[in-house]
């Protein structure tokens, strides 16, 4: 990026005090003290674990031309311009946008928020835009894509600077649209402040991230911040079958729209026939065949349809292209065993998401095959959902294997003990606990017979297991594929 004056960068920021020369040229904007170079502007953010204000002396010594902070240091360097602001996170968002020439105003940006469905909806909108001939970008849990260039994703919503840099790269690549997941953490930490959204989508809200937010009310409030900030020229489309849907748009200036499977809505969907390899839907009186399974995916596709029309895309072209869309990596991905059973890999890691995928399978099975579920809970996260996850899995499955997910810095066996508490007494004889996830998946597949379904929940697209803070390569889909290869060889040998 070209150098900019401090005054130019501060135009959209509430400033309490400037000490020093505000006409200086800035060569870069950073919020990591380790990245400070001569002539840069450093933003001191109070993070969850580290307060960057403690590094102000160090960044001055390393050549920072300016510092944005909430509290001035006791000793001021004469070579540094100090800008005091009420909230460094808010300031950083606007600085990041200004540094990258306000990229979100140069394309049509749509944000998707909610507990479940964000990745699927954002990704399918990106794929739909591409099928319709548009250049587009994607910011998601699975990956970030700039037109066709893929960058690995480190978090659901990137930090302020990375987010604006990616949007800038999309503009440079000629993208017309960008679709992004908006996490509650990103809202709470003001990472999306300063962005111009063409629209916002709300999927649903269930228990999640209480380790960070503390209460469900605070979790709701964080999500609602996204809609409160939308402009009057934007659209807000919400799932009114979720009781929080109308709450989300109480104070928005955006044009309000609704989607539903159960209620009157602007965009109404009905499931005609549900199969493990696809579904027949009727959306606003038009029948559509899609390669997705489950009512939860019917909601996701209705949101995609709504957003497409609200963006001005041709209705008939949208419907034709939606029939070509395929499931997102790790989201209800089905794999057929040589022995005749089906394995499904899904990211379901909240009670509601698990209920949705298991209910969807049971609706298709109708008792004609067994449902065997493999699931766990991550470490260093909301402990309260552990017994709930185990209970819901046990109640909706013929067999359950509780296993390790990402224990992180916790003892995996202790996590499993906390899950076991939720298993109803009558379901304990059909519930196994196998700490090793690879072995748990193997046992589940060994138990399965032709016509059965093995649901492997929790990790989805993830290709690692984090144990004692160290990431080890592990991919549920790869494990299933290896098992299927062994089965195929065994069948050939016995033929």
Protein backbone atom coordinates (compact mmCIF):
# COMPACT_ATOMS: atom_id res chain seq x y z
CA UNK A 1 0.00 0.00 0.00
CA UNK A 2 1.07 3.59 -0.62
CA UNK A 3 2.11 5.71 2.36
CA UNK A 4 -0.65 7.86 3.86
CA UNK A 5 -0.65 10.75 6.31
CA UNK A 6 -1.86 10.24 9.87
CA UNK A 7 -4.56 12.86 9.24
CA UNK A 8 -5.90 10.88 6.27
CA UNK A 9 -6.06 7.66 8.27
CA UNK A 10 -7.86 9.33 11.19
CA UNK A 11 -10.76 10.82 9.19
CA UNK A 12 -13.37 8.27 10.34
CA UNK A 13 -12.05 7.81 13.88
CA UNK A 14 -13.13 9.38 17.16
CA UNK A 15 -9.94 10.93 18.56
CA UNK A 16 -9.63 12.20 22.13
CA UNK A 17 -6.10 13.61 21.93
CA UNK A 18 -3.20 13.92 19.49
CA UNK A 19 0.30 14.50 20.83
CA UNK A 20 2.87 15.18 18.10
CA UNK A 21 2.86 15.74 14.34
CA UNK A 22 -0.30 14.45 12.60
CA UNK A 23 0.98 15.28 9.11
CA UNK A 24 3.57 12.46 9.13
CA UNK A 25 3.54 9.84 6.41
CA UNK A 26 2.75 6.30 7.59
CA UNK A 27 4.34 3.34 5.81
CA UNK A 28 2.25 0.54 7.40
CA UNK A 29 -0.42 -0.14 10.01
CA UNK A 30 0.17 -3.00 12.49
CA UNK A 31 -1.31 -4.27 15.75
CA UNK A 32 1.40 -6.86 16.52
CA UNK A 33 4.40 -5.29 18.28
CA UNK A 34 6.67 -7.88 16.64
CA UNK A 35 5.82 -6.46 13.21
CA UNK A 36 6.75 -2.86 13.99
CA UNK A 37 9.09 -1.30 11.42
CA UNK A 38 10.41 2.20 10.76
CA UNK A 39 7.61 4.62 9.93
CA UNK A 40 4.64 2.43 10.81
CA UNK A 41 1.55 3.17 12.90
CA UNK A 42 1.05 0.78 15.81
CA UNK A 43 -2.41 0.19 17.34
CA UNK A 44 -2.34 -0.94 20.96
CA UNK A 45 -5.30 -3.30 21.42
CA UNK A 46 -6.45 -4.75 24.73
CA UNK A 47 -6.84 -8.42 23.77
CA UNK A 48 -8.41 -11.34 25.61
CA UNK A 49 -5.05 -12.47 27.02
CA UNK A 50 -2.57 -9.65 26.24
CA UNK A 51 -2.80 -5.87 26.55
CA UNK A 52 -0.56 -4.36 23.86
CA UNK A 53 -0.25 -1.10 25.82
CA UNK A 54 2.59 -2.76 27.73
CA UNK A 55 4.69 -2.73 24.53
CA UNK A 56 4.45 1.02 23.76
CA UNK A 57 8.01 1.70 24.92
CA UNK A 58 9.32 -1.15 22.78
CA UNK A 59 7.47 -0.06 19.60
CA UNK A 60 8.76 3.50 20.00
CA UNK A 61 12.30 2.12 20.28
CA UNK A 62 11.73 0.00 17.14
CA UNK A 63 10.88 3.03 15.01
CA UNK A 64 7.08 3.39 15.07
CA UNK A 65 6.11 6.82 13.70
CA UNK A 66 2.76 6.86 15.49
CA UNK A 67 0.82 5.00 18.15
CA UNK A 68 -2.92 4.68 18.63
CA UNK A 69 -3.82 3.81 22.22
CA UNK A 70 -6.48 4.17 24.90
CA UNK A 71 -4.03 5.22 27.60
CA UNK A 72 -0.85 7.24 27.01
CA UNK A 73 2.40 5.79 28.38
CA UNK A 74 4.13 7.58 31.25
CA UNK A 75 7.11 8.40 29.03
CA UNK A 76 6.38 9.89 25.61
CA UNK A 77 8.96 9.55 22.85
CA UNK A 78 9.53 12.84 20.97
CA UNK A 79 9.83 10.86 17.69
CA UNK A 80 6.35 9.32 18.06
CA UNK A 81 2.92 10.84 17.42
CA UNK A 82 0.45 9.56 20.03
CA UNK A 83 -3.26 9.33 19.22
CA UNK A 84 -5.54 8.60 22.16
CA UNK A 85 -8.91 7.01 21.36
CA UNK A 86 -11.85 5.67 23.41
CA UNK A 87 -11.57 2.14 21.97
CA UNK A 88 -8.51 0.82 20.13
CA UNK A 89 -10.44 -2.09 18.57
CA UNK A 90 -12.92 0.30 16.96
CA UNK A 91 -10.10 2.59 15.83
CA UNK A 92 -8.18 -0.35 14.35
CA UNK A 93 -11.17 -1.41 12.25
CA UNK A 94 -11.48 2.05 10.69
CA UNK A 95 -7.71 2.41 10.29
CA UNK A 96 -7.55 -0.96 8.52
CA UNK A 97 -10.32 0.07 6.14
CA UNK A 98 -8.67 3.44 5.44
CA UNK A 99 -5.22 1.88 4.96
CA UNK A 100 -6.59 -0.52 2.33
CA UNK A 101 -8.63 2.24 0.60
CA UNK A 102 -12.05 1.19 1.94
CA UNK A 103 -12.34 -2.03 -0.09
CA UNK A 104 -15.79 -3.05 1.17
CA UNK A 105 -17.31 0.00 -0.56
CA UNK A 106 -15.95 -1.20 -3.93
CA UNK A 107 -17.78 -4.53 -4.05
CA UNK A 108 -21.05 -5.92 -2.68
CA UNK A 109 -20.31 -7.58 0.64
CA UNK A 110 -22.79 -9.95 2.32
CA UNK A 111 -22.28 -11.17 5.89
CA UNK A 112 -23.75 -14.35 7.37
CA UNK A 113 -24.12 -14.75 11.12
CA UNK A 114 -25.77 -17.23 13.48
CA UNK A 115 -24.71 -20.36 15.37
CA UNK A 116 -25.05 -22.92 12.57
CA UNK A 117 -25.09 -22.68 8.79
CA UNK A 118 -22.72 -19.73 8.31
CA UNK A 119 -20.06 -21.66 6.39
CA UNK A 120 -22.58 -23.43 4.15
CA UNK A 121 -24.53 -20.28 3.24
CA UNK A 122 -21.47 -18.08 2.63
CA UNK A 123 -19.77 -20.79 0.55
CA UNK A 124 -22.88 -21.59 -1.49
CA UNK A 125 -23.41 -17.89 -2.24
CA UNK A 126 -19.82 -17.71 -3.48
CA UNK A 127 -20.35 -20.82 -5.63
CA UNK A 128 -23.68 -19.50 -6.90
CA UNK A 129 -22.15 -16.16 -7.89
CA UNK A 130 -19.43 -18.01 -9.81
CA UNK A 131 -21.98 -20.21 -11.60
CA UNK A 132 -23.82 -17.04 -12.64
CA UNK A 133 -20.63 -15.67 -14.19
CA UNK A 134 -19.57 -13.19 -11.49
CA UNK A 135 -16.16 -12.85 -9.89
CA UNK A 136 -16.45 -13.28 -6.14
CA UNK A 137 -14.55 -13.72 -2.91
CA UNK A 138 -15.18 -15.85 0.18
CA UNK A 139 -14.16 -15.45 3.82
CA UNK A 140 -15.06 -18.58 5.78
CA UNK A 141 -14.08 -21.00 8.52
CA UNK A 142 -12.87 -23.49 5.91
CA UNK A 143 -10.97 -21.19 3.54
CA UNK A 144 -10.62 -17.70 2.14
CA UNK A 145 -10.91 -17.38 -1.64
CA UNK A 146 -9.97 -14.39 -3.79
CA UNK A 147 -11.72 -15.08 -7.11
CA UNK A 148 -10.05 -18.50 -7.61
CA UNK A 149 -7.00 -18.11 -5.35
CA UNK A 150 -7.36 -20.04 -2.08
CA UNK A 151 -5.79 -18.94 1.22
CA UNK A 152 -6.05 -21.10 4.38
CA UNK A 153 -8.38 -19.70 7.04
CA UNK A 154 -7.04 -19.34 10.59
CA UNK A 155 -10.30 -18.17 12.18
CA UNK A 156 -13.95 -17.74 11.20
CA UNK A 157 -13.65 -13.97 10.73
CA UNK A 158 -10.09 -12.67 10.20
CA UNK A 159 -8.56 -9.88 12.30
CA UNK A 160 -9.23 -6.25 11.27
CA UNK A 161 -6.14 -5.84 9.08
CA UNK A 162 -6.23 -9.28 7.44
CA UNK A 163 -9.93 -8.86 6.71
CA UNK A 164 -9.46 -5.55 4.90
CA UNK A 165 -6.34 -6.82 3.11
CA UNK A 166 -8.31 -9.80 1.77
CA UNK A 167 -11.16 -7.54 0.65
CA UNK A 168 -8.63 -5.23 -1.01
CA UNK A 169 -7.14 -8.22 -2.83
CA UNK A 170 -10.64 -9.17 -4.01
CA UNK A 171 -11.17 -5.67 -5.40
CA UNK A 172 -7.79 -5.84 -7.15
CA UNK A 173 -8.79 -9.24 -8.63
CA UNK A 174 -11.95 -7.68 -10.07
CA UNK A 175 -14.46 -9.32 -7.74
CA UNK A 176 -18.04 -8.04 -7.91
CA UNK A 177 -19.14 -9.72 -4.68
CA UNK A 178 -17.73 -10.99 -1.38
CA UNK A 179 -19.41 -13.34 1.08
CA UNK A 180 -18.21 -13.76 4.65
CA UNK A 181 -19.01 -15.48 7.88
CA UNK A 182 -19.48 -13.01 10.72
CA UNK A 183 -18.66 -14.58 14.09
CA UNK A 184 -19.88 -13.31 17.45
CA UNK A 185 -16.23 -12.81 18.46
CA UNK A 186 -15.71 -10.57 15.41
CA UNK A 187 -18.74 -8.46 16.34
CA UNK A 188 -17.72 -8.16 19.98
CA UNK A 189 -14.14 -7.25 19.06
CA UNK A 190 -15.28 -4.72 16.42
CA UNK A 191 -13.42 -6.50 13.61
CA UNK A 192 -16.20 -5.69 11.13
CA UNK A 193 -16.57 -2.03 12.11
CA UNK A 194 -15.87 0.27 9.20
CA UNK A 195 -17.06 -2.26 6.60
CA UNK A 196 -19.91 -1.47 4.21
CA UNK A 197 -22.28 -4.43 3.86
CA UNK A 198 -24.77 -4.84 1.03
CA UNK A 199 -26.68 -7.31 3.18
CA UNK A 200 -26.76 -9.54 6.23
CA UNK A 201 -28.22 -13.00 6.88
CA UNK A 202 -29.21 -14.48 10.24
CA UNK A 203 -29.42 -18.30 10.39
CA UNK A 204 -30.28 -19.35 13.95
CA UNK A 205 -29.00 -19.05 17.49
CA UNK A 206 -28.34 -21.82 19.97
CA UNK A 207 -25.91 -22.39 22.81
CA UNK A 208 -22.29 -21.79 21.73
CA UNK A 209 -19.19 -19.80 22.70
CA UNK A 210 -20.36 -19.27 26.28
CA UNK A 211 -16.74 -19.76 27.35
CA UNK A 212 -16.15 -16.35 25.72
CA UNK A 213 -19.46 -14.46 26.08
CA UNK A 214 -20.46 -15.81 29.51
CA UNK A 215 -24.24 -15.76 28.92
CA UNK A 216 -26.66 -16.41 26.07
CA UNK A 217 -27.91 -12.80 26.32
CA UNK A 218 -24.41 -11.47 25.71
CA UNK A 219 -23.99 -13.90 22.83
CA UNK A 220 -27.25 -12.61 21.28
CA UNK A 221 -26.18 -9.00 21.84
CA UNK A 222 -22.89 -9.62 20.03
CA UNK A 223 -24.68 -11.08 16.98
CA UNK A 224 -27.20 -8.24 16.99
CA UNK A 225 -24.41 -5.66 16.71
CA UNK A 226 -23.94 -6.74 13.10
CA UNK A 227 -27.53 -5.91 12.12
CA UNK A 228 -27.62 -2.72 14.21
CA UNK A 229 -24.73 -1.38 12.09
CA UNK A 230 -26.23 -2.15 8.65
CA UNK A 231 -27.06 0.89 6.52
CA UNK A 232 -30.46 1.83 5.10
CA UNK A 233 -29.36 0.71 1.62
CA UNK A 234 -28.59 -2.83 2.84
CA UNK A 235 -30.90 -5.83 3.28
CA UNK A 236 -31.32 -7.96 6.40
CA UNK A 237 -32.83 -11.41 5.88
CA UNK A 238 -33.58 -13.49 8.97
CA UNK A 239 -34.88 -16.96 9.80
CA UNK A 240 -38.21 -16.25 11.54
CA UNK A 241 -38.57 -19.88 12.63
CA UNK A 242 -35.87 -19.04 15.17
CA UNK A 243 -37.27 -17.02 18.08
CA UNK A 244 -34.24 -14.71 18.00
CA UNK A 245 -34.76 -13.85 14.31
CA UNK A 246 -36.99 -10.83 14.86
CA UNK A 247 -34.84 -9.67 17.79
CA UNK A 248 -31.82 -9.43 15.49
CA UNK A 249 -33.44 -6.78 13.30
CA UNK A 250 -35.30 -4.77 15.96
CA UNK A 251 -33.01 -1.77 15.57
CA UNK A 252 -31.60 -2.20 12.08
CA UNK A 253 -31.87 0.51 9.42
CA UNK A 254 -31.64 -2.14 6.70
CA UNK A 255 -34.61 -3.35 4.66
CA UNK A 256 -36.04 -6.38 6.49
CA UNK A 257 -36.90 -9.72 4.88
CA UNK A 258 -37.76 -13.13 6.32
CA UNK A 259 -37.33 -16.78 5.37
CA UNK A 260 -39.00 -19.84 6.85
CA UNK A 261 -40.01 -23.48 6.59
CA UNK A 262 -42.86 -23.18 9.10
CA UNK A 263 -44.23 -19.62 9.06
CA UNK A 264 -45.44 -16.96 6.68
CA UNK A 265 -42.36 -15.31 5.20
CA UNK A 266 -41.02 -13.44 2.20
CA UNK A 267 -39.09 -16.56 1.20
CA UNK A 268 -40.93 -19.78 2.06
CA UNK A 269 -39.60 -23.31 1.63
CA UNK A 270 -41.22 -26.75 1.98
CA UNK A 271 -39.45 -30.12 1.97
CA UNK A 272 -41.25 -32.48 -0.44
CA UNK A 273 -38.93 -35.49 -0.23
CA UNK A 274 -35.72 -35.98 1.75
CA UNK A 275 -33.06 -38.55 0.81
CA UNK A 276 -29.45 -39.12 1.84
CA UNK A 277 -28.33 -38.14 -1.67
CA UNK A 278 -30.57 -35.09 -2.10
CA UNK A 279 -33.87 -33.34 -1.43
CA UNK A 280 -36.92 -32.10 -3.34
CA UNK A 281 -37.90 -28.61 -2.21
CA UNK A 282 -40.56 -26.09 -3.07
CA UNK A 283 -39.28 -22.52 -2.63
CA UNK A 284 -41.86 -19.79 -3.19
CA UNK A 285 -44.04 -22.18 -5.25
CA UNK A 286 -41.21 -23.50 -7.45
CA UNK A 287 -40.05 -27.11 -7.11
CA UNK A 288 -36.30 -27.67 -6.98
CA UNK A 289 -34.05 -30.74 -6.76
CA UNK A 290 -30.87 -30.17 -4.73
CA UNK A 291 -27.90 -32.34 -3.77
CA UNK A 292 -28.33 -31.67 -0.04
CA UNK A 293 -30.00 -33.55 2.81
CA UNK A 294 -31.93 -32.40 5.86
CA UNK A 295 -34.25 -29.63 6.95
CA UNK A 296 -31.28 -27.61 8.20
CA UNK A 297 -29.96 -27.54 4.63
CA UNK A 298 -33.42 -26.54 3.38
CA UNK A 299 -33.05 -23.46 5.63
CA UNK A 300 -29.55 -22.80 4.30
CA UNK A 301 -30.67 -23.03 0.68
CA UNK A 302 -33.66 -20.78 1.28
CA UNK A 303 -31.33 -18.15 2.73
CA UNK A 304 -29.07 -18.52 -0.33
CA UNK A 305 -32.07 -18.11 -2.65
CA UNK A 306 -33.26 -15.04 -0.72
CA UNK A 307 -29.85 -13.35 -0.79
CA UNK A 308 -29.44 -14.08 -4.50
CA UNK A 309 -32.73 -12.38 -5.37
CA UNK A 310 -32.06 -9.47 -3.01
CA UNK A 311 -28.73 -8.95 -4.77
CA UNK A 312 -30.68 -8.58 -8.00
CA UNK A 313 -29.77 -11.90 -9.63
CA UNK A 314 -32.18 -13.43 -12.13
CA UNK A 315 -34.62 -15.75 -10.35
CA UNK A 316 -34.71 -18.50 -12.98
CA UNK A 317 -30.92 -18.51 -13.33
CA UNK A 318 -30.58 -18.71 -9.55
CA UNK A 319 -32.88 -21.75 -9.36
CA UNK A 320 -31.11 -23.58 -12.19
CA UNK A 321 -27.70 -22.89 -10.63
CA UNK A 322 -28.85 -23.93 -7.15
CA UNK A 323 -29.61 -27.42 -8.51
CA UNK A 324 -25.90 -27.69 -9.44
CA UNK A 325 -24.54 -26.74 -6.00
CA UNK A 326 -22.81 -29.44 -3.93
CA UNK A 327 -22.28 -29.76 -0.15
CA UNK A 328 -19.43 -27.82 1.47
CA UNK A 329 -16.37 -29.75 2.69
CA UNK A 330 -17.15 -31.40 6.03
CA UNK A 331 -20.80 -30.34 5.99
CA UNK A 332 -22.97 -33.48 5.76
CA UNK A 333 -20.55 -35.12 3.35
CA UNK A 334 -21.76 -38.62 2.50
CA UNK A 335 -19.45 -41.51 1.60
CA UNK A 336 -20.76 -44.95 0.60
CA UNK A 337 -18.97 -48.01 1.98
CA UNK A 338 -18.18 -51.02 -0.24
CA UNK A 339 -20.13 -53.00 2.39
CA UNK A 340 -23.32 -51.00 1.75
CA UNK A 341 -23.53 -48.59 4.69
CA UNK A 342 -23.10 -44.80 4.49
CA UNK A 343 -20.66 -42.68 6.49
CA UNK A 344 -21.41 -38.98 6.96
CA UNK A 345 -18.79 -36.44 8.02
CA UNK A 346 -20.25 -33.29 9.55
CA UNK A 347 -18.97 -30.28 11.50
CA UNK A 348 -21.82 -30.47 14.04
CA UNK A 349 -20.18 -29.33 17.28
CA UNK A 350 -23.11 -27.74 19.12
CA UNK A 351 -26.16 -29.52 20.59
CA UNK A 352 -28.53 -27.92 18.07
CA UNK A 353 -26.34 -28.78 15.06
CA UNK A 354 -26.02 -32.37 16.25
CA UNK A 355 -29.78 -32.65 16.75
CA UNK A 356 -30.35 -31.31 13.23
CA UNK A 357 -28.06 -33.78 11.46
CA UNK A 358 -29.21 -36.79 13.49
CA UNK A 359 -32.89 -35.95 13.03
CA UNK A 360 -32.27 -35.55 9.30
CA UNK A 361 -30.71 -39.01 9.09
CA UNK A 362 -33.51 -40.59 11.13
CA UNK A 363 -36.17 -38.99 8.93
CA UNK A 364 -34.58 -40.71 5.92
CA UNK A 365 -33.82 -44.04 7.62
CA UNK A 366 -37.33 -44.40 9.09
CA UNK A 367 -36.04 -47.23 11.31
CA UNK A 368 -34.87 -49.35 8.36
CA UNK A 369 -31.22 -49.10 9.35
CA UNK A 370 -29.11 -48.34 12.41
CA UNK A 371 -27.67 -44.89 13.13
CA UNK A 372 -24.23 -45.12 14.75
CA UNK A 373 -22.85 -41.79 15.96
CA UNK A 374 -19.27 -40.82 16.75
CA UNK A 375 -18.94 -37.50 18.60
CA UNK A 376 -16.88 -35.58 21.13
CA UNK A 377 -16.41 -32.10 22.56
CA UNK A 378 -13.47 -29.73 22.24
CA UNK A 379 -11.26 -28.77 25.15
CA UNK A 380 -10.93 -25.23 26.53
CA UNK A 381 -14.47 -24.46 25.38
CA UNK A 382 -17.96 -24.31 26.89
CA UNK A 383 -18.05 -27.25 29.33
CA UNK A 384 -21.81 -26.94 29.88
CA UNK A 385 -22.65 -28.36 26.46
CA UNK A 386 -20.70 -31.61 26.99
CA UNK A 387 -23.39 -33.65 28.79
CA UNK A 388 -26.03 -32.10 26.49
CA UNK A 389 -24.17 -33.26 23.37
CA UNK A 390 -23.83 -36.79 24.75
CA UNK A 391 -27.50 -36.94 25.77
CA UNK A 392 -28.80 -35.75 22.37
CA UNK A 393 -26.49 -38.14 20.50
CA UNK A 394 -27.60 -41.08 22.66
CA UNK A 395 -31.31 -40.31 22.37
CA UNK A 396 -31.17 -40.05 18.58
CA UNK A 397 -28.82 -42.94 17.77
CA UNK A 398 -28.92 -46.72 17.97
CA UNK A 399 -25.25 -46.79 19.02
CA UNK A 400 -23.01 -43.93 20.22
CA UNK A 401 -19.24 -43.78 20.52
CA UNK A 402 -17.99 -40.87 22.60
CA UNK A 403 -14.47 -39.92 21.58
CA UNK A 404 -11.84 -37.19 21.58
CA UNK A 405 -12.36 -34.07 19.47
CA UNK A 406 -9.75 -31.33 19.94
CA UNK A 407 -8.85 -31.67 23.64
CA UNK A 408 -6.42 -28.74 23.30
CA UNK A 409 -4.89 -28.29 26.77
CA UNK A 410 -7.44 -30.40 28.64
CA UNK A 411 -7.29 -34.08 29.58
CA UNK A 412 -9.37 -35.87 26.89
CA UNK A 413 -10.49 -38.53 29.34
CA UNK A 414 -11.85 -35.86 31.69
CA UNK A 415 -13.81 -34.29 28.81
CA UNK A 416 -15.32 -37.69 28.06
CA UNK A 417 -16.22 -38.23 31.71
CA UNK A 418 -18.11 -34.91 31.62
CA UNK A 419 -19.93 -36.06 28.48
CA UNK A 420 -20.83 -39.47 29.97
CA UNK A 421 -22.84 -37.74 32.71
CA UNK A 422 -25.42 -36.76 30.09
CA UNK A 423 -26.06 -40.27 28.74
CA UNK A 424 -29.50 -41.50 29.92
CA UNK A 425 -29.41 -44.72 31.97
CA UNK A 426 -31.35 -46.69 29.35
CA UNK A 427 -28.84 -45.67 26.67
CA UNK A 428 -25.68 -46.58 28.59
CA UNK A 429 -25.58 -50.21 27.28
CA UNK A 430 -25.44 -48.88 23.68
CA UNK A 431 -22.86 -46.18 24.40
CA UNK A 432 -19.11 -46.79 24.10
CA UNK A 433 -16.26 -44.49 25.10
CA UNK A 434 -13.09 -44.73 23.01
CA UNK A 435 -10.62 -41.88 23.58
CA UNK A 436 -8.62 -42.47 20.39
CA UNK A 437 -10.66 -40.87 17.59
CA UNK A 438 -9.12 -43.02 14.83
CA UNK A 439 -10.05 -46.19 16.72
CA UNK A 440 -13.54 -44.83 17.48
CA UNK A 441 -14.23 -44.26 13.77
CA UNK A 442 -12.87 -47.71 12.95
CA UNK A 443 -15.10 -49.41 15.53
CA UNK A 444 -18.17 -47.50 14.33
CA UNK A 445 -17.56 -48.70 10.77
CA UNK A 446 -17.01 -52.28 11.98
CA UNK A 447 -20.37 -52.19 13.79
CA UNK A 448 -22.21 -50.94 10.69
CA UNK A 449 -24.16 -53.27 8.41
CA UNK A 450 -25.56 -52.68 4.93
CA UNK A 451 -28.26 -49.98 5.12
CA UNK A 452 -26.84 -48.39 8.29
CA UNK A 453 -25.48 -44.84 8.66
CA UNK A 454 -22.33 -43.87 10.56
CA UNK A 455 -22.42 -40.20 11.58
CA UNK A 456 -18.98 -38.76 12.42
CA UNK A 457 -19.63 -35.37 14.01
CA UNK A 458 -17.60 -32.48 15.33
CA UNK A 459 -14.57 -31.89 13.13
CA UNK A 460 -15.93 -31.74 9.59
CA UNK A 461 -13.39 -30.00 7.36
CA UNK A 462 -10.67 -29.78 10.03
CA UNK A 463 -7.47 -31.63 9.19
CA UNK A 464 -5.91 -31.69 12.65
CA UNK A 465 -6.29 -32.83 16.23
CA UNK A 466 -5.03 -30.35 18.81
CA UNK A 467 -3.61 -32.23 21.81
CA UNK A 468 -1.76 -30.44 24.63
CA UNK A 469 -1.52 -27.36 22.44
CA UNK A 470 0.10 -29.24 19.52
CA UNK A 471 -1.72 -29.80 16.22
CA UNK A 472 -1.41 -33.29 14.70
CA UNK A 473 -2.70 -34.10 11.22
CA UNK A 474 -6.08 -35.81 11.43
CA UNK A 475 -8.97 -35.73 8.97
CA UNK A 476 -12.22 -37.65 9.54
CA UNK A 477 -12.88 -38.02 5.83
CA UNK A 478 -9.38 -39.43 5.23
CA UNK A 479 -9.87 -41.95 8.04
CA UNK A 480 -13.16 -43.15 6.54
CA UNK A 481 -11.60 -43.40 3.07
CA UNK A 482 -8.77 -45.59 4.44
CA UNK A 483 -11.30 -47.88 6.10
CA UNK A 484 -13.29 -48.16 2.86
CA UNK A 485 -10.11 -49.06 0.94
CA UNK A 486 -9.43 -51.88 3.43
CA UNK A 487 -13.04 -53.07 3.11
CA UNK A 488 -12.76 -53.10 -0.69
CA UNK A 489 -9.57 -55.19 -0.56
CA UNK A 490 -11.17 -57.60 1.88
CA UNK A 491 -14.24 -58.05 -0.34
CA UNK A 492 -12.00 -58.67 -3.38
CA UNK A 493 -9.96 -61.20 -1.41
CA UNK A 494 -13.09 -63.08 -0.29
CA UNK A 495 -14.73 -62.99 -3.73
